[in-house]
Amino acid sequence: MPELTIADALRLAINALRDVAESRKMPSGVELDDATAELHASAADVLDGSLEQLRGHE
């Protein structure tokens, strides 16, 4: 497996959170209500901001 960077891990987490928010389903299949889906979308946005701050520091 190729070596992952912190930025790679953040991108994977952001994508996973956005997928959950958009589908309104956890990977296990559990349905999410609107508030929980929005929370996942907000978390993805926060991580995306962290990723922007990380650029240039790796």
Protein backbone atom coordinates (compact mmCIF):
# COMPACT_ATOMS: atom_id res chain seq x y z
CA MET A 1 0.00 0.00 0.00
CA PRO A 2 1.39 3.42 -0.86
CA GLU A 3 2.37 5.70 1.99
CA LEU A 4 -0.42 8.09 2.89
CA THR A 5 0.14 11.62 4.05
CA ILE A 6 -1.92 13.55 6.56
CA ALA A 7 -3.44 15.45 3.64
CA ASP A 8 -4.44 12.16 1.99
CA ALA A 9 -6.12 10.98 5.19
CA LEU A 10 -7.98 14.28 5.53
CA ARG A 11 -9.19 14.06 1.92
CA LEU A 12 -10.48 10.53 2.56
CA ALA A 13 -12.27 11.66 5.72
CA ILE A 14 -13.78 14.67 3.94
CA ASN A 15 -15.04 12.48 1.11
CA ALA A 16 -16.51 9.93 3.53
CA LEU A 17 -18.32 12.65 5.49
CA ARG A 18 -19.69 14.24 2.32
CA ASP A 19 -20.85 10.86 0.99
CA VAL A 20 -22.73 10.23 4.24
CA ALA A 21 -24.24 13.73 4.23
CA GLU A 22 -25.38 13.47 0.60
CA SER A 23 -26.79 9.95 0.85
CA ARG A 24 -28.22 10.53 4.33
CA LYS A 25 -27.00 7.03 5.22
CA MET A 26 -24.12 5.76 7.30
CA PRO A 27 -21.93 3.11 5.65
CA SER A 28 -23.72 0.56 7.85
CA GLY A 29 -27.00 1.55 6.21
CA VAL A 30 -28.43 3.49 9.15
CA GLU A 31 -30.58 6.38 7.87
CA LEU A 32 -29.75 9.90 9.06
CA ASP A 33 -32.16 12.68 9.86
CA ASP A 34 -31.64 16.13 8.34
CA ALA A 35 -29.83 17.55 11.38
CA THR A 36 -27.34 14.68 11.54
CA ALA A 37 -26.70 14.82 7.80
CA GLU A 38 -26.06 18.57 8.09
CA LEU A 39 -23.66 17.92 10.98
CA HIS A 40 -21.67 15.56 8.75
CA ALA A 41 -21.59 18.17 5.98
CA SER A 42 -20.39 20.81 8.45
CA ALA A 43 -17.68 18.48 9.73
CA ALA A 44 -16.50 17.95 6.14
CA ASP A 45 -16.30 21.73 5.68
CA VAL A 46 -14.25 22.11 8.87
CA LEU A 47 -11.84 19.40 7.76
CA ASP A 48 -11.61 20.98 4.33
CA GLY A 49 -10.52 24.21 6.01
CA SER A 50 -7.92 22.28 7.98
CA LEU A 51 -6.65 20.75 4.77
CA GLU A 52 -6.26 24.22 3.23
CA GLN A 53 -4.21 25.32 6.26
CA LEU A 54 -2.06 22.20 6.01
CA ARG A 55 -1.04 22.86 2.40
CA GLY A 56 2.53 23.98 2.28
CA HIS A 57 3.34 22.48 5.67
CA GLU A 58 3.86 18.90 4.52
